[in-house]
Amino acid sequence: MKPTQDVDATLRLAIDGMSCGHCVQAVTRALSTIPGVTVCAVGIGSAEFRTSDKAASHQVIAALESEGFAARVVE
């Protein structure tokens, strides 16, 4: 029997309240602090990241809310 592997998932977020490059930097910094999260792209109003733990999206959203941004996962 083969051991199970974690499968990386790419998740996308819609982020409210971003309006400038400083916001992009703040979101990138907040995402980078979450263990197991790899930032793929951050732009005004959205972010994309990879993780092997889909539950990390709750941590990501909480980190962004602590920075003053409302975020939600986009399917």
PDB file of N, CA and C in Angstrom:
ATOM      1  N   MET A   1       0.837  -1.177   0.000  1.00  0.00           N
ATOM      2  CA  MET A   1       0.000   0.000   0.000  1.00  0.00           C
ATOM      3  C   MET A   1       0.885   1.245   0.000  1.00  0.00           C
ATOM      4  N   LYS A   2       0.595   2.189  -0.879  1.00  0.00           N
ATOM      5  CA  LYS A   2       1.380   3.420  -0.976  1.00  0.00           C
ATOM      6  C   LYS A   2       0.943   4.407   0.099  1.00  0.00           C
ATOM      7  N   PRO A   3       1.900   5.148   0.674  1.00  0.00           N
ATOM      8  CA  PRO A   3       1.511   6.184   1.632  1.00  0.00           C
ATOM      9  C   PRO A   3       0.766   7.297   0.908  1.00  0.00           C
ATOM     10  N   THR A   4      -0.174   7.900   1.610  1.00  0.00           N
ATOM     11  CA  THR A   4      -0.915   8.995   1.007  1.00  0.00           C
ATOM     12  C   THR A   4      -0.063  10.254   1.026  1.00  0.00           C
ATOM     13  N   GLN A   5      -0.214  11.059   0.002  1.00  0.00           N
ATOM     14  CA  GLN A   5       0.516  12.314  -0.089  1.00  0.00           C
ATOM     15  C   GLN A   5      -0.469  13.464   0.030  1.00  0.00           C
ATOM     16  N   ASP A   6       0.007  14.537   0.610  1.00  0.00           N
ATOM     17  CA  ASP A   6      -0.802  15.750   0.620  1.00  0.00           C
ATOM     18  C   ASP A   6      -0.835  16.295  -0.804  1.00  0.00           C
ATOM     19  N   VAL A   7      -1.988  16.699  -1.235  1.00  0.00           N
ATOM     20  CA  VAL A   7      -2.133  17.260  -2.567  1.00  0.00           C
ATOM     21  C   VAL A   7      -2.235  18.770  -2.425  1.00  0.00           C
ATOM     22  N   ASP A   8      -1.367  19.481  -3.123  1.00  0.00           N
ATOM     23  CA  ASP A   8      -1.425  20.940  -3.081  1.00  0.00           C
ATOM     24  C   ASP A   8      -2.668  21.418  -3.804  1.00  0.00           C
ATOM     25  N   ALA A   9      -3.322  22.377  -3.221  1.00  0.00           N
ATOM     26  CA  ALA A   9      -4.486  23.002  -3.832  1.00  0.00           C
ATOM     27  C   ALA A   9      -4.174  24.478  -4.032  1.00  0.00           C
ATOM     28  N   THR A  10      -4.628  25.019  -5.142  1.00  0.00           N
ATOM     29  CA  THR A  10      -4.505  26.446  -5.376  1.00  0.00           C
ATOM     30  C   THR A  10      -5.857  27.068  -5.061  1.00  0.00           C
ATOM     31  N   LEU A  11      -5.853  28.031  -4.157  1.00  0.00           N
ATOM     32  CA  LEU A  11      -7.080  28.692  -3.754  1.00  0.00           C
ATOM     33  C   LEU A  11      -7.012  30.158  -4.163  1.00  0.00           C
ATOM     34  N   ARG A  12      -8.151  30.695  -4.536  1.00  0.00           N
ATOM     35  CA  ARG A  12      -8.248  32.099  -4.925  1.00  0.00           C
ATOM     36  C   ARG A  12      -9.139  32.830  -3.932  1.00  0.00           C
ATOM     37  N   LEU A  13      -8.764  34.045  -3.634  1.00  0.00           N
ATOM     38  CA  LEU A  13      -9.538  34.886  -2.726  1.00  0.00           C
ATOM     39  C   LEU A  13      -9.976  36.155  -3.435  1.00  0.00           C
ATOM     40  N   ALA A  14     -11.181  36.584  -3.133  1.00  0.00           N
ATOM     41  CA  ALA A  14     -11.622  37.936  -3.483  1.00  0.00           C
ATOM     42  C   ALA A  14     -11.406  38.749  -2.212  1.00  0.00           C
ATOM     43  N   ILE A  15     -10.771  39.899  -2.349  1.00  0.00           N
ATOM     44  CA  ILE A  15     -10.409  40.698  -1.175  1.00  0.00           C
ATOM     45  C   ILE A  15     -10.958  42.110  -1.351  1.00  0.00           C
ATOM     46  N   ASP A  16     -11.771  42.525  -0.394  1.00  0.00           N
ATOM     47  CA  ASP A  16     -12.347  43.868  -0.409  1.00  0.00           C
ATOM     48  C   ASP A  16     -11.443  44.821   0.362  1.00  0.00           C
ATOM     49  N   GLY A  17     -11.398  46.057  -0.068  1.00  0.00           N
ATOM     50  CA  GLY A  17     -10.666  47.090   0.653  1.00  0.00           C
ATOM     51  C   GLY A  17      -9.267  47.355   0.144  1.00  0.00           C
ATOM     52  N   MET A  18      -8.837  46.638  -0.894  1.00  0.00           N
ATOM     53  CA  MET A  18      -7.516  46.874  -1.464  1.00  0.00           C
ATOM     54  C   MET A  18      -7.619  47.957  -2.516  1.00  0.00           C
ATOM     55  N   SER A  19      -6.723  48.963  -2.448  1.00  0.00           N
ATOM     56  CA  SER A  19      -6.816  50.041  -3.425  1.00  0.00           C
ATOM     57  C   SER A  19      -5.471  50.524  -3.963  1.00  0.00           C
ATOM     58  N   CYS A  20      -4.361  49.942  -3.458  1.00  0.00           N
ATOM     59  CA  CYS A  20      -3.058  50.467  -3.882  1.00  0.00           C
ATOM     60  C   CYS A  20      -1.962  49.421  -3.685  1.00  0.00           C
ATOM     61  N   GLY A  21      -0.763  49.790  -4.077  1.00  0.00           N
ATOM     62  CA  GLY A  21       0.390  48.905  -3.930  1.00  0.00           C
ATOM     63  C   GLY A  21       0.701  48.581  -2.479  1.00  0.00           C
ATOM     64  N   HIS A  22       0.474  49.544  -1.591  1.00  0.00           N
ATOM     65  CA  HIS A  22       0.696  49.287  -0.170  1.00  0.00           C
ATOM     66  C   HIS A  22      -0.230  48.169   0.320  1.00  0.00           C
ATOM     67  N   CYS A  23      -1.474  48.169  -0.154  1.00  0.00           N
ATOM     68  CA  CYS A  23      -2.428  47.108   0.201  1.00  0.00           C
ATOM     69  C   CYS A  23      -1.927  45.753  -0.299  1.00  0.00           C
ATOM     70  N   VAL A  24      -1.417  45.729  -1.522  1.00  0.00           N
ATOM     71  CA  VAL A  24      -0.881  44.490  -2.090  1.00  0.00           C
ATOM     72  C   VAL A  24       0.259  43.984  -1.220  1.00  0.00           C
ATOM     73  N   GLN A  25       1.145  44.875  -0.783  1.00  0.00           N
ATOM     74  CA  GLN A  25       2.256  44.471   0.080  1.00  0.00           C
ATOM     75  C   GLN A  25       1.752  43.947   1.420  1.00  0.00           C
ATOM     76  N   ALA A  26       0.745  44.598   1.999  1.00  0.00           N
ATOM     77  CA  ALA A  26       0.208  44.168   3.289  1.00  0.00           C
ATOM     78  C   ALA A  26      -0.421  42.777   3.180  1.00  0.00           C
ATOM     79  N   VAL A  27      -1.154  42.532   2.095  1.00  0.00           N
ATOM     80  CA  VAL A  27      -1.784  41.222   1.898  1.00  0.00           C
ATOM     81  C   VAL A  27      -0.717  40.156   1.661  1.00  0.00           C
ATOM     82  N   THR A  28       0.269  40.463   0.840  1.00  0.00           N
ATOM     83  CA  THR A  28       1.352  39.514   0.580  1.00  0.00           C
ATOM     84  C   THR A  28       2.079  39.158   1.872  1.00  0.00           C
ATOM     85  N   ARG A  29       2.368  40.154   2.677  1.00  0.00           N
ATOM     86  CA  ARG A  29       3.050  39.929   3.963  1.00  0.00           C
ATOM     87  C   ARG A  29       2.188  39.064   4.890  1.00  0.00           C
ATOM     88  N   ALA A  30       0.894  39.355   4.962  1.00  0.00           N
ATOM     89  CA  ALA A  30      -0.007  38.583   5.831  1.00  0.00           C
ATOM     90  C   ALA A  30      -0.095  37.123   5.373  1.00  0.00           C
ATOM     91  N   LEU A  31      -0.195  36.908   4.063  1.00  0.00           N
ATOM     92  CA  LEU A  31      -0.263  35.536   3.541  1.00  0.00           C
ATOM     93  C   LEU A  31       1.033  34.778   3.817  1.00  0.00           C
ATOM     94  N   SER A  32       2.146  35.467   3.719  1.00  0.00           N
ATOM     95  CA  SER A  32       3.458  34.840   3.898  1.00  0.00           C
ATOM     96  C   SER A  32       3.697  34.361   5.323  1.00  0.00           C
ATOM     97  N   THR A  33       2.918  34.845   6.274  1.00  0.00           N
ATOM     98  CA  THR A  33       3.116  34.448   7.667  1.00  0.00           C
ATOM     99  C   THR A  33       2.407  33.151   8.025  1.00  0.00           C
ATOM    100  N   ILE A  34       1.558  32.642   7.145  1.00  0.00           N
ATOM    101  CA  ILE A  34       0.783  31.431   7.435  1.00  0.00           C
ATOM    102  C   ILE A  34       1.615  30.202   7.060  1.00  0.00           C
ATOM    103  N   PRO A  35       1.886  29.317   8.037  1.00  0.00           N
ATOM    104  CA  PRO A  35       2.651  28.106   7.727  1.00  0.00           C
ATOM    105  C   PRO A  35       1.930  27.246   6.680  1.00  0.00           C
ATOM    106  N   GLY A  36       2.686  26.754   5.716  1.00  0.00           N
ATOM    107  CA  GLY A  36       2.129  25.871   4.699  1.00  0.00           C
ATOM    108  C   GLY A  36       1.500  26.589   3.521  1.00  0.00           C
ATOM    109  N   VAL A  37       1.520  27.918   3.533  1.00  0.00           N
ATOM    110  CA  VAL A  37       0.929  28.700   2.451  1.00  0.00           C
ATOM    111  C   VAL A  37       2.050  29.267   1.582  1.00  0.00           C
ATOM    112  N   THR A  38       1.914  29.077   0.278  1.00  0.00           N
ATOM    113  CA  THR A  38       2.833  29.653  -0.687  1.00  0.00           C
ATOM    114  C   THR A  38       2.057  30.658  -1.521  1.00  0.00           C
ATOM    115  N   VAL A  39       2.480  31.901  -1.494  1.00  0.00           N
ATOM    116  CA  VAL A  39       1.809  32.963  -2.235  1.00  0.00           C
ATOM    117  C   VAL A  39       2.134  32.808  -3.714  1.00  0.00           C
ATOM    118  N   CYS A  40       1.104  32.770  -4.552  1.00  0.00           N
ATOM    119  CA  CYS A  40       1.306  32.684  -6.002  1.00  0.00           C
ATOM    120  C   CYS A  40       1.204  34.053  -6.648  1.00  0.00           C
ATOM    121  N   ALA A  41       0.153  34.778  -6.315  1.00  0.00           N
ATOM    122  CA  ALA A  41      -0.057  36.096  -6.920  1.00  0.00           C
ATOM    123  C   ALA A  41      -0.970  36.924  -6.033  1.00  0.00           C
ATOM    124  N   VAL A  42      -0.676  38.212  -5.948  1.00  0.00           N
ATOM    125  CA  VAL A  42      -1.534  39.150  -5.231  1.00  0.00           C
ATOM    126  C   VAL A  42      -1.687  40.382  -6.115  1.00  0.00           C
ATOM    127  N   GLY A  43      -2.922  40.777  -6.329  1.00  0.00           N
ATOM    128  CA  GLY A  43      -3.225  41.987  -7.083  1.00  0.00           C
ATOM    129  C   GLY A  43      -4.330  42.730  -6.359  1.00  0.00           C
ATOM    130  N   ILE A  44      -4.612  43.921  -6.789  1.00  0.00           N
ATOM    131  CA  ILE A  44      -5.668  44.689  -6.135  1.00  0.00           C
ATOM    132  C   ILE A  44      -6.981  43.931  -6.276  1.00  0.00           C
ATOM    133  N   GLY A  45      -7.539  43.541  -5.140  1.00  0.00           N
ATOM    134  CA  GLY A  45      -8.831  42.861  -5.104  1.00  0.00           C
ATOM    135  C   GLY A  45      -8.784  41.349  -5.125  1.00  0.00           C
ATOM    136  N   SER A  46      -7.592  40.757  -5.239  1.00  0.00           N
ATOM    137  CA  SER A  46      -7.546  39.292  -5.290  1.00  0.00           C
ATOM    138  C   SER A  46      -6.182  38.761  -4.863  1.00  0.00           C
ATOM    139  N   ALA A  47      -6.181  37.495  -4.533  1.00  0.00           N
ATOM    140  CA  ALA A  47      -4.935  36.802  -4.203  1.00  0.00           C
ATOM    141  C   ALA A  47      -5.090  35.335  -4.559  1.00  0.00           C
ATOM    142  N   GLU A  48      -3.980  34.700  -4.851  1.00  0.00           N
ATOM    143  CA  GLU A  48      -3.950  33.275  -5.148  1.00  0.00           C
ATOM    144  C   GLU A  48      -2.810  32.679  -4.352  1.00  0.00           C
ATOM    145  N   PHE A  49      -3.090  31.531  -3.717  1.00  0.00           N
ATOM    146  CA  PHE A  49      -2.040  30.876  -2.941  1.00  0.00           C
ATOM    147  C   PHE A  49      -2.195  29.371  -3.032  1.00  0.00           C
ATOM    148  N   ARG A  50      -1.104  28.669  -2.727  1.00  0.00           N
ATOM    149  CA  ARG A  50      -1.113  27.207  -2.721  1.00  0.00           C
ATOM    150  C   ARG A  50      -0.940  26.724  -1.295  1.00  0.00           C
ATOM    151  N   THR A  51      -1.609  25.614  -1.001  1.00  0.00           N
ATOM    152  CA  THR A  51      -1.482  24.986   0.306  1.00  0.00           C
ATOM    153  C   THR A  51      -1.844  23.521   0.190  1.00  0.00           C
ATOM    154  N   SER A  52      -1.291  22.705   1.051  1.00  0.00           N
ATOM    155  CA  SER A  52      -1.661  21.294   1.082  1.00  0.00           C
ATOM    156  C   SER A  52      -2.774  21.071   2.108  1.00  0.00           C
ATOM    157  N   ASP A  53      -3.174  22.129   2.803  1.00  0.00           N
ATOM    158  CA  ASP A  53      -4.199  22.047   3.837  1.00  0.00           C
ATOM    159  C   ASP A  53      -5.290  23.065   3.527  1.00  0.00           C
ATOM    160  N   LYS A  54      -6.413  22.599   2.977  1.00  0.00           N
ATOM    161  CA  LYS A  54      -7.485  23.526   2.594  1.00  0.00           C
ATOM    162  C   LYS A  54      -8.026  24.279   3.809  1.00  0.00           C
ATOM    163  N   ALA A  55      -7.860  23.740   4.999  1.00  0.00           N
ATOM    164  CA  ALA A  55      -8.303  24.433   6.202  1.00  0.00           C
ATOM    165  C   ALA A  55      -7.496  25.705   6.425  1.00  0.00           C
ATOM    166  N   ALA A  56      -6.352  25.832   5.763  1.00  0.00           N
ATOM    167  CA  ALA A  56      -5.524  27.033   5.902  1.00  0.00           C
ATOM    168  C   ALA A  56      -6.262  28.273   5.413  1.00  0.00           C
ATOM    169  N   SER A  57      -7.281  28.086   4.580  1.00  0.00           N
ATOM    170  CA  SER A  57      -8.015  29.252   4.082  1.00  0.00           C
ATOM    171  C   SER A  57      -8.651  30.026   5.229  1.00  0.00           C
ATOM    172  N   HIS A  58      -9.050  29.344   6.292  1.00  0.00           N
ATOM    173  CA  HIS A  58      -9.610  30.034   7.463  1.00  0.00           C
ATOM    174  C   HIS A  58      -8.542  30.886   8.140  1.00  0.00           C
ATOM    175  N   GLN A  59      -7.331  30.370   8.233  1.00  0.00           N
ATOM    176  CA  GLN A  59      -6.224  31.136   8.816  1.00  0.00           C
ATOM    177  C   GLN A  59      -5.881  32.333   7.942  1.00  0.00           C
ATOM    178  N   VAL A  60      -5.899  32.126   6.639  1.00  0.00           N
ATOM    179  CA  VAL A  60      -5.589  33.205   5.702  1.00  0.00           C
ATOM    180  C   VAL A  60      -6.614  34.324   5.833  1.00  0.00           C
ATOM    181  N   ILE A  61      -7.886  33.964   5.850  1.00  0.00           N
ATOM    182  CA  ILE A  61      -8.947  34.965   5.961  1.00  0.00           C
ATOM    183  C   ILE A  61      -8.826  35.719   7.285  1.00  0.00           C
ATOM    184  N   ALA A  62      -8.547  34.999   8.360  1.00  0.00           N
ATOM    185  CA  ALA A  62      -8.371  35.655   9.663  1.00  0.00           C
ATOM    186  C   ALA A  62      -7.184  36.622   9.636  1.00  0.00           C
ATOM    187  N   ALA A  63      -6.079  36.215   8.997  1.00  0.00           N
ATOM    188  CA  ALA A  63      -4.902  37.093   8.915  1.00  0.00           C
ATOM    189  C   ALA A  63      -5.214  38.345   8.116  1.00  0.00           C
ATOM    190  N   LEU A  64      -5.967  38.198   7.043  1.00  0.00           N
ATOM    191  CA  LEU A  64      -6.317  39.363   6.227  1.00  0.00           C
ATOM    192  C   LEU A  64      -7.292  40.277   6.963  1.00  0.00           C
ATOM    193  N   GLU A  65      -8.221  39.691   7.687  1.00  0.00           N
ATOM    194  CA  GLU A  65      -9.154  40.503   8.475  1.00  0.00           C
ATOM    195  C   GLU A  65      -8.414  41.296   9.540  1.00  0.00           C
ATOM    196  N   SER A  66      -7.363  40.712  10.115  1.00  0.00           N
ATOM    197  CA  SER A  66      -6.591  41.446  11.117  1.00  0.00           C
ATOM    198  C   SER A  66      -5.837  42.619  10.501  1.00  0.00           C
ATOM    199  N   GLU A  67      -5.637  42.582   9.176  1.00  0.00           N
ATOM    200  CA  GLU A  67      -5.005  43.688   8.451  1.00  0.00           C
ATOM    201  C   GLU A  67      -6.041  44.690   7.939  1.00  0.00           C
ATOM    202  N   GLY A  68      -7.328  44.394   8.166  1.00  0.00           N
ATOM    203  CA  GLY A  68      -8.384  45.317   7.763  1.00  0.00           C
ATOM    204  C   GLY A  68      -9.042  45.018   6.428  1.00  0.00           C
ATOM    205  N   PHE A  69      -8.811  43.818   5.866  1.00  0.00           N
ATOM    206  CA  PHE A  69      -9.391  43.443   4.586  1.00  0.00           C
ATOM    207  C   PHE A  69     -10.413  42.337   4.776  1.00  0.00           C
ATOM    208  N   ALA A  70     -11.545  42.441   4.086  1.00  0.00           N
ATOM    209  CA  ALA A  70     -12.531  41.360   4.057  1.00  0.00           C
ATOM    210  C   ALA A  70     -12.177  40.441   2.902  1.00  0.00           C
ATOM    211  N   ALA A  71     -12.163  39.136   3.143  1.00  0.00           N
ATOM    212  CA  ALA A  71     -11.773  38.194   2.101  1.00  0.00           C
ATOM    213  C   ALA A  71     -12.705  36.992   2.096  1.00  0.00           C
ATOM    214  N   ARG A  72     -12.849  36.401   0.925  1.00  0.00           N
ATOM    215  CA  ARG A  72     -13.637  35.183   0.797  1.00  0.00           C
ATOM    216  C   ARG A  72     -13.023  34.308  -0.310  1.00  0.00           C
ATOM    217  N   VAL A  73     -13.153  33.013  -0.151  1.00  0.00           N
ATOM    218  CA  VAL A  73     -12.639  32.065  -1.148  1.00  0.00           C
ATOM    219  C   VAL A  73     -13.555  32.118  -2.358  1.00  0.00           C
ATOM    220  N   VAL A  74     -12.952  32.167  -3.542  1.00  0.00           N
ATOM    221  CA  VAL A  74     -13.688  32.146  -4.801  1.00  0.00           C
ATOM    222  C   VAL A  74     -13.565  30.753  -5.379  1.00  0.00           C
ATOM    223  N   GLU A  75     -14.677  30.156  -5.661  1.00  0.00           N
ATOM    224  CA  GLU A  75     -14.675  28.785  -6.216  1.00  0.00           C
ATOM    225  C   GLU A  75     -14.338  28.790  -7.678  1.00  0.00           C
TER     226      GLU A  75
END
